[in-house]
Amino acid sequence: MNFPPGKILLKLPFIVPALAGLLIIVFSAQARAIVYAYAIALSTKYDHKKTIEDEKNVILELKDILQNYNDYSMRAFNRTAISHKVPKTPETTHSFYVIYKADGTFKTLNYSATGKLATSRGAWAINTNGDISSYLEFLRGNNRWNVEEYKTNNGINTRATITNVLLKAESKKIKYFFRAKPNKSDKYDNCNTGILETLVEN
């Protein structure tokens, strides 16, 4: 039987715990979340710079909805964030609103990242490709994106919810953090907290 050289034997008590620690880090939920975050960022089809530039138009549109809120209703949904081929987990769940007008038309609204890193500037976006395509498939009975509605007792209060969204949109202190709020800080939101913390039930 061949034994490792003496120097390696002396280092084993240090090498083994270091390797174990590395494996724990690699397979931890936080590490997996970071990997998911980069996958989401790299697979995003829309132009992040354009999302930032368009937010001012989104704000104007939301203000118009607020002025005529009786003509609108809202629902909130979540779906698989990256691809319909990826299982939906806490790290791969994306949330969005659907705003319906009395004439039967609708638009989607979500809080989006605007960069390729875990933390970036956030921006509210209307009718992003992923939200529109997944919601339309859901309406047609094809739910491969695992779209689910957030249940409310009496529906969503459009006026109060849009007011909350505008407050967040016009705040310059809030950044996008891909997974959740670190230390429950009010300085960060992601697509899920952006919806859940602005939603007001009737």
C-alpha atoms as a PDB file:
ATOM      1  CA  MET A   1       0.000   0.000   0.000  1.00  0.00           C
ATOM      2  CA  ASN A   2       1.386   3.402  -0.987  1.00  0.00           C
ATOM      3  CA  PHE A   3       0.979   6.225   1.530  1.00  0.00           C
ATOM      4  CA  PRO A   4       1.150   9.907   0.661  1.00  0.00           C
ATOM      5  CA  PRO A   5       4.480  11.579   1.354  1.00  0.00           C
ATOM      6  CA  GLY A   6       4.973  12.782   4.928  1.00  0.00           C
ATOM      7  CA  LYS A   7       4.483  16.466   4.090  1.00  0.00           C
ATOM      8  CA  ILE A   8       1.082  15.778   2.540  1.00  0.00           C
ATOM      9  CA  LEU A   9       0.049  13.721   5.597  1.00  0.00           C
ATOM     10  CA  LEU A  10       0.902  16.681   7.777  1.00  0.00           C
ATOM     11  CA  LYS A  11      -1.239  18.976   5.610  1.00  0.00           C
ATOM     12  CA  LEU A  12      -4.282  16.667   5.523  1.00  0.00           C
ATOM     13  CA  PRO A  13      -5.800  18.010   8.775  1.00  0.00           C
ATOM     14  CA  PHE A  14      -5.871  21.426   7.109  1.00  0.00           C
ATOM     15  CA  ILE A  15      -6.760  20.363   3.550  1.00  0.00           C
ATOM     16  CA  VAL A  16      -9.781  18.188   4.435  1.00  0.00           C
ATOM     17  CA  PRO A  17     -11.681  20.882   6.429  1.00  0.00           C
ATOM     18  CA  ALA A  18     -10.858  23.442   3.744  1.00  0.00           C
ATOM     19  CA  LEU A  19     -12.280  21.191   1.030  1.00  0.00           C
ATOM     20  CA  ALA A  20     -15.352  20.430   3.144  1.00  0.00           C
ATOM     21  CA  GLY A  21     -15.917  24.135   3.698  1.00  0.00           C
ATOM     22  CA  LEU A  22     -15.574  24.797  -0.028  1.00  0.00           C
ATOM     23  CA  LEU A  23     -18.155  22.106  -0.828  1.00  0.00           C
ATOM     24  CA  ILE A  24     -20.574  23.570   1.727  1.00  0.00           C
ATOM     25  CA  ILE A  25     -20.216  26.987   0.128  1.00  0.00           C
ATOM     26  CA  VAL A  26     -20.661  25.652  -3.401  1.00  0.00           C
ATOM     27  CA  PHE A  27     -23.791  23.693  -2.533  1.00  0.00           C
ATOM     28  CA  SER A  28     -25.322  26.221  -0.136  1.00  0.00           C
ATOM     29  CA  ALA A  29     -28.591  27.953  -0.977  1.00  0.00           C
ATOM     30  CA  GLN A  30     -26.840  31.301  -1.229  1.00  0.00           C
ATOM     31  CA  ALA A  31     -24.274  29.975  -3.701  1.00  0.00           C
ATOM     32  CA  ARG A  32     -27.023  28.365  -5.778  1.00  0.00           C
ATOM     33  CA  ALA A  33     -28.908  31.655  -5.702  1.00  0.00           C
ATOM     34  CA  ILE A  34     -25.877  33.491  -7.070  1.00  0.00           C
ATOM     35  CA  VAL A  35     -25.608  30.972  -9.904  1.00  0.00           C
ATOM     36  CA  TYR A  36     -29.326  31.379 -10.645  1.00  0.00           C
ATOM     37  CA  ALA A  37     -28.944  35.160 -10.582  1.00  0.00           C
ATOM     38  CA  TYR A  38     -26.295  35.106 -13.259  1.00  0.00           C
ATOM     39  CA  ALA A  39     -28.336  32.632 -15.303  1.00  0.00           C
ATOM     40  CA  ILE A  40     -31.327  34.968 -15.106  1.00  0.00           C
ATOM     41  CA  ALA A  41     -29.252  38.007 -16.014  1.00  0.00           C
ATOM     42  CA  LEU A  42     -27.495  36.320 -18.928  1.00  0.00           C
ATOM     43  CA  SER A  43     -30.719  34.847 -20.307  1.00  0.00           C
ATOM     44  CA  THR A  44     -32.633  38.141 -20.161  1.00  0.00           C
ATOM     45  CA  LYS A  45     -33.550  39.195 -23.678  1.00  0.00           C
ATOM     46  CA  TYR A  46     -34.488  42.825 -23.221  1.00  0.00           C
ATOM     47  CA  ASP A  47     -32.084  45.753 -23.219  1.00  0.00           C
ATOM     48  CA  HIS A  48     -31.277  46.771 -19.636  1.00  0.00           C
ATOM     49  CA  LYS A  49     -30.297  50.297 -20.679  1.00  0.00           C
ATOM     50  CA  LYS A  50     -33.591  50.703 -22.520  1.00  0.00           C
ATOM     51  CA  THR A  51     -35.449  49.487 -19.403  1.00  0.00           C
ATOM     52  CA  ILE A  52     -33.933  52.352 -17.427  1.00  0.00           C
ATOM     53  CA  GLU A  53     -34.711  54.880 -20.169  1.00  0.00           C
ATOM     54  CA  ASP A  54     -38.289  53.638 -20.499  1.00  0.00           C
ATOM     55  CA  GLU A  55     -39.066  53.854 -16.779  1.00  0.00           C
ATOM     56  CA  LYS A  56     -39.964  57.548 -17.041  1.00  0.00           C
ATOM     57  CA  ASN A  57     -42.655  56.607 -19.584  1.00  0.00           C
ATOM     58  CA  VAL A  58     -43.841  53.814 -17.295  1.00  0.00           C
ATOM     59  CA  ILE A  59     -44.214  56.345 -14.471  1.00  0.00           C
ATOM     60  CA  LEU A  60     -46.247  58.663 -16.719  1.00  0.00           C
ATOM     61  CA  GLU A  61     -48.473  55.756 -17.759  1.00  0.00           C
ATOM     62  CA  LEU A  62     -49.008  54.716 -14.147  1.00  0.00           C
ATOM     63  CA  LYS A  63     -49.919  58.282 -13.201  1.00  0.00           C
ATOM     64  CA  ASP A  64     -52.502  58.270 -15.979  1.00  0.00           C
ATOM     65  CA  ILE A  65     -53.920  54.993 -14.642  1.00  0.00           C
ATOM     66  CA  LEU A  66     -54.045  56.533 -11.175  1.00  0.00           C
ATOM     67  CA  GLN A  67     -56.057  59.494 -12.476  1.00  0.00           C
ATOM     68  CA  ASN A  68     -58.573  57.068 -14.025  1.00  0.00           C
ATOM     69  CA  TYR A  69     -58.263  54.148 -11.617  1.00  0.00           C
ATOM     70  CA  ASN A  70     -61.964  53.258 -11.819  1.00  0.00           C
ATOM     71  CA  ASP A  71     -61.350  52.157 -15.416  1.00  0.00           C
ATOM     72  CA  TYR A  72     -58.753  49.592 -14.349  1.00  0.00           C
ATOM     73  CA  SER A  73     -58.406  46.411 -12.335  1.00  0.00           C
ATOM     74  CA  MET A  74     -55.329  44.408 -11.350  1.00  0.00           C
ATOM     75  CA  ARG A  75     -54.181  40.883 -10.614  1.00  0.00           C
ATOM     76  CA  ALA A  76     -50.768  39.596  -9.501  1.00  0.00           C
ATOM     77  CA  PHE A  77     -48.998  36.459 -10.716  1.00  0.00           C
ATOM     78  CA  ASN A  78     -45.733  34.587 -10.351  1.00  0.00           C
ATOM     79  CA  ARG A  79     -43.975  32.294 -12.808  1.00  0.00           C
ATOM     80  CA  THR A  80     -40.700  30.537 -13.515  1.00  0.00           C
ATOM     81  CA  ALA A  81     -38.166  33.295 -14.057  1.00  0.00           C
ATOM     82  CA  ILE A  82     -35.528  31.889 -16.398  1.00  0.00           C
ATOM     83  CA  SER A  83     -37.077  29.293 -18.672  1.00  0.00           C
ATOM     84  CA  HIS A  84     -40.056  26.981 -18.668  1.00  0.00           C
ATOM     85  CA  LYS A  85     -37.477  24.161 -18.620  1.00  0.00           C
ATOM     86  CA  VAL A  86     -36.141  25.249 -15.217  1.00  0.00           C
ATOM     87  CA  PRO A  87     -38.062  24.147 -12.093  1.00  0.00           C
ATOM     88  CA  LYS A  88     -39.638  26.972 -10.131  1.00  0.00           C
ATOM     89  CA  THR A  89     -37.841  27.465  -6.821  1.00  0.00           C
ATOM     90  CA  PRO A  90     -37.600  30.472  -4.473  1.00  0.00           C
ATOM     91  CA  GLU A  91     -34.537  31.549  -6.476  1.00  0.00           C
ATOM     92  CA  THR A  92     -36.217  31.125  -9.862  1.00  0.00           C
ATOM     93  CA  THR A  93     -39.616  32.676  -9.156  1.00  0.00           C
ATOM     94  CA  HIS A  94     -40.571  35.929 -10.866  1.00  0.00           C
ATOM     95  CA  SER A  95     -43.632  38.061 -10.011  1.00  0.00           C
ATOM     96  CA  PHE A  96     -45.607  40.555 -12.077  1.00  0.00           C
ATOM     97  CA  TYR A  97     -48.875  42.466 -12.228  1.00  0.00           C
ATOM     98  CA  VAL A  98     -51.442  42.399 -14.989  1.00  0.00           C
ATOM     99  CA  ILE A  99     -53.380  45.658 -15.336  1.00  0.00           C
ATOM    100  CA  TYR A 100     -56.717  45.347 -17.139  1.00  0.00           C
ATOM    101  CA  LYS A 101     -58.558  48.227 -18.766  1.00  0.00           C
ATOM    102  CA  ALA A 102     -62.342  48.317 -18.978  1.00  0.00           C
ATOM    103  CA  ASP A 103     -62.122  47.993 -22.781  1.00  0.00           C
ATOM    104  CA  GLY A 104     -60.644  44.479 -22.441  1.00  0.00           C
ATOM    105  CA  THR A 105     -56.996  45.325 -23.113  1.00  0.00           C
ATOM    106  CA  PHE A 106     -54.259  44.618 -20.581  1.00  0.00           C
ATOM    107  CA  LYS A 107     -50.587  45.228 -19.859  1.00  0.00           C
ATOM    108  CA  THR A 108     -48.052  43.621 -17.540  1.00  0.00           C
ATOM    109  CA  LEU A 109     -45.959  45.460 -14.955  1.00  0.00           C
ATOM    110  CA  ASN A 110     -42.904  44.240 -13.051  1.00  0.00           C
ATOM    111  CA  TYR A 111     -39.866  45.431 -11.138  1.00  0.00           C
ATOM    112  CA  SER A 112     -36.777  44.510 -13.157  1.00  0.00           C
ATOM    113  CA  ALA A 113     -33.036  44.322 -12.742  1.00  0.00           C
ATOM    114  CA  THR A 114     -31.025  46.578 -15.027  1.00  0.00           C
ATOM    115  CA  GLY A 115     -27.622  44.901 -14.882  1.00  0.00           C
ATOM    116  CA  LYS A 116     -25.789  41.599 -15.048  1.00  0.00           C
ATOM    117  CA  LEU A 117     -24.688  41.554 -11.400  1.00  0.00           C
ATOM    118  CA  ALA A 118     -26.553  40.362  -8.306  1.00  0.00           C
ATOM    119  CA  THR A 119     -27.204  43.964  -7.299  1.00  0.00           C
ATOM    120  CA  SER A 120     -28.141  46.672  -9.788  1.00  0.00           C
ATOM    121  CA  ARG A 121     -30.454  49.604 -10.262  1.00  0.00           C
ATOM    122  CA  GLY A 122     -34.057  48.472 -10.429  1.00  0.00           C
ATOM    123  CA  ALA A 123     -36.672  49.807 -12.825  1.00  0.00           C
ATOM    124  CA  TRP A 124     -40.399  49.241 -13.297  1.00  0.00           C
ATOM    125  CA  ALA A 125     -41.159  47.853 -16.744  1.00  0.00           C
ATOM    126  CA  ILE A 126     -44.327  47.349 -18.773  1.00  0.00           C
ATOM    127  CA  ASN A 127     -44.980  44.476 -21.182  1.00  0.00           C
ATOM    128  CA  THR A 128     -41.644  42.682 -20.963  1.00  0.00           C
ATOM    129  CA  ASN A 129     -41.352  39.717 -23.337  1.00  0.00           C
ATOM    130  CA  GLY A 130     -41.266  37.059 -20.609  1.00  0.00           C
ATOM    131  CA  ASP A 131     -44.342  38.362 -18.797  1.00  0.00           C
ATOM    132  CA  ILE A 132     -46.422  38.827 -21.936  1.00  0.00           C
ATOM    133  CA  SER A 133     -45.544  35.502 -23.542  1.00  0.00           C
ATOM    134  CA  SER A 134     -45.950  33.450 -20.343  1.00  0.00           C
ATOM    135  CA  TYR A 135     -49.264  35.123 -19.477  1.00  0.00           C
ATOM    136  CA  LEU A 136     -50.671  34.667 -22.993  1.00  0.00           C
ATOM    137  CA  GLU A 137     -49.721  30.972 -22.903  1.00  0.00           C
ATOM    138  CA  PHE A 138     -51.371  30.716 -19.494  1.00  0.00           C
ATOM    139  CA  LEU A 139     -54.594  32.219 -20.898  1.00  0.00           C
ATOM    140  CA  ARG A 140     -54.529  29.714 -23.775  1.00  0.00           C
ATOM    141  CA  GLY A 141     -54.270  26.814 -21.338  1.00  0.00           C
ATOM    142  CA  ASN A 142     -50.563  26.140 -21.825  1.00  0.00           C
ATOM    143  CA  ASN A 143     -48.995  26.681 -18.403  1.00  0.00           C
ATOM    144  CA  ARG A 144     -45.455  25.511 -19.079  1.00  0.00           C
ATOM    145  CA  TRP A 145     -44.150  28.641 -17.286  1.00  0.00           C
ATOM    146  CA  ASN A 146     -46.011  27.518 -14.137  1.00  0.00           C
ATOM    147  CA  VAL A 147     -47.943  30.785 -13.875  1.00  0.00           C
ATOM    148  CA  GLU A 148     -49.873  31.093 -10.615  1.00  0.00           C
ATOM    149  CA  GLU A 149     -52.074  33.890  -9.343  1.00  0.00           C
ATOM    150  CA  TYR A 150     -51.526  35.450  -5.943  1.00  0.00           C
ATOM    151  CA  LYS A 151     -54.801  34.875  -4.148  1.00  0.00           C
ATOM    152  CA  THR A 152     -56.608  37.772  -2.490  1.00  0.00           C
ATOM    153  CA  ASN A 153     -59.844  37.800  -0.527  1.00  0.00           C
ATOM    154  CA  ASN A 154     -61.496  40.715  -2.307  1.00  0.00           C
ATOM    155  CA  GLY A 155     -59.223  41.544  -5.226  1.00  0.00           C
ATOM    156  CA  ILE A 156     -56.563  44.238  -5.564  1.00  0.00           C
ATOM    157  CA  ASN A 157     -57.136  47.901  -4.782  1.00  0.00           C
ATOM    158  CA  THR A 158     -55.889  49.517  -8.001  1.00  0.00           C
ATOM    159  CA  ARG A 159     -55.617  53.049  -6.644  1.00  0.00           C
ATOM    160  CA  ALA A 160     -53.631  52.133  -3.522  1.00  0.00           C
ATOM    161  CA  THR A 161     -51.426  49.603  -5.339  1.00  0.00           C
ATOM    162  CA  ILE A 162     -50.458  51.957  -8.178  1.00  0.00           C
ATOM    163  CA  THR A 163     -49.766  54.671  -5.586  1.00  0.00           C
ATOM    164  CA  ASN A 164     -47.354  52.299  -3.825  1.00  0.00           C
ATOM    165  CA  VAL A 165     -45.648  51.379  -7.101  1.00  0.00           C
ATOM    166  CA  LEU A 166     -45.155  55.064  -7.941  1.00  0.00           C
ATOM    167  CA  LEU A 167     -43.645  55.717  -4.512  1.00  0.00           C
ATOM    168  CA  LYS A 168     -41.116  52.943  -5.093  1.00  0.00           C
ATOM    169  CA  ALA A 169     -40.469  53.990  -8.700  1.00  0.00           C
ATOM    170  CA  GLU A 170     -39.728  57.567  -7.704  1.00  0.00           C
ATOM    171  CA  SER A 171     -37.484  56.588  -4.790  1.00  0.00           C
ATOM    172  CA  LYS A 172     -33.805  56.797  -5.709  1.00  0.00           C
ATOM    173  CA  LYS A 173     -32.685  54.864  -2.608  1.00  0.00           C
ATOM    174  CA  ILE A 174     -34.019  51.424  -3.575  1.00  0.00           C
ATOM    175  CA  LYS A 175     -31.800  49.027  -5.536  1.00  0.00           C
ATOM    176  CA  TYR A 176     -32.543  45.655  -7.136  1.00  0.00           C
ATOM    177  CA  PHE A 177     -31.176  42.643  -5.282  1.00  0.00           C
ATOM    178  CA  PHE A 178     -31.765  39.430  -7.213  1.00  0.00           C
ATOM    179  CA  ARG A 179     -32.803  37.033  -4.457  1.00  0.00           C
ATOM    180  CA  ALA A 180     -34.530  38.793  -1.570  1.00  0.00           C
ATOM    181  CA  LYS A 181     -33.956  41.626   0.826  1.00  0.00           C
ATOM    182  CA  PRO A 182     -30.617  41.157   2.561  1.00  0.00           C
ATOM    183  CA  ASN A 183     -31.187  41.661   6.288  1.00  0.00           C
ATOM    184  CA  LYS A 184     -34.752  42.752   5.450  1.00  0.00           C
ATOM    185  CA  SER A 185     -33.426  46.114   4.349  1.00  0.00           C
ATOM    186  CA  ASP A 186     -35.830  48.597   2.790  1.00  0.00           C
ATOM    187  CA  LYS A 187     -33.024  49.683   0.457  1.00  0.00           C
ATOM    188  CA  TYR A 188     -33.461  46.610  -1.730  1.00  0.00           C
ATOM    189  CA  ASP A 189     -36.248  44.985  -3.726  1.00  0.00           C
ATOM    190  CA  ASN A 190     -36.503  42.285  -6.334  1.00  0.00           C
ATOM    191  CA  CYS A 191     -39.312  41.339  -8.707  1.00  0.00           C
ATOM    192  CA  ASN A 192     -41.105  39.428  -5.936  1.00  0.00           C
ATOM    193  CA  THR A 193     -40.807  41.873  -3.052  1.00  0.00           C
ATOM    194  CA  GLY A 194     -41.561  44.710  -5.471  1.00  0.00           C
ATOM    195  CA  ILE A 195     -44.983  43.169  -6.110  1.00  0.00           C
ATOM    196  CA  LEU A 196     -45.786  41.788  -2.666  1.00  0.00           C
ATOM    197  CA  GLU A 197     -44.877  45.038  -0.881  1.00  0.00           C
ATOM    198  CA  THR A 198     -46.930  47.257  -3.169  1.00  0.00           C
ATOM    199  CA  LEU A 199     -50.032  45.065  -3.437  1.00  0.00           C
ATOM    200  CA  VAL A 200     -53.023  46.363  -1.464  1.00  0.00           C
ATOM    201  CA  GLU A 201     -56.183  44.272  -1.214  1.00  0.00           C
ATOM    202  CA  ASN A 202     -59.670  45.765  -1.380  1.00  0.00           C
END
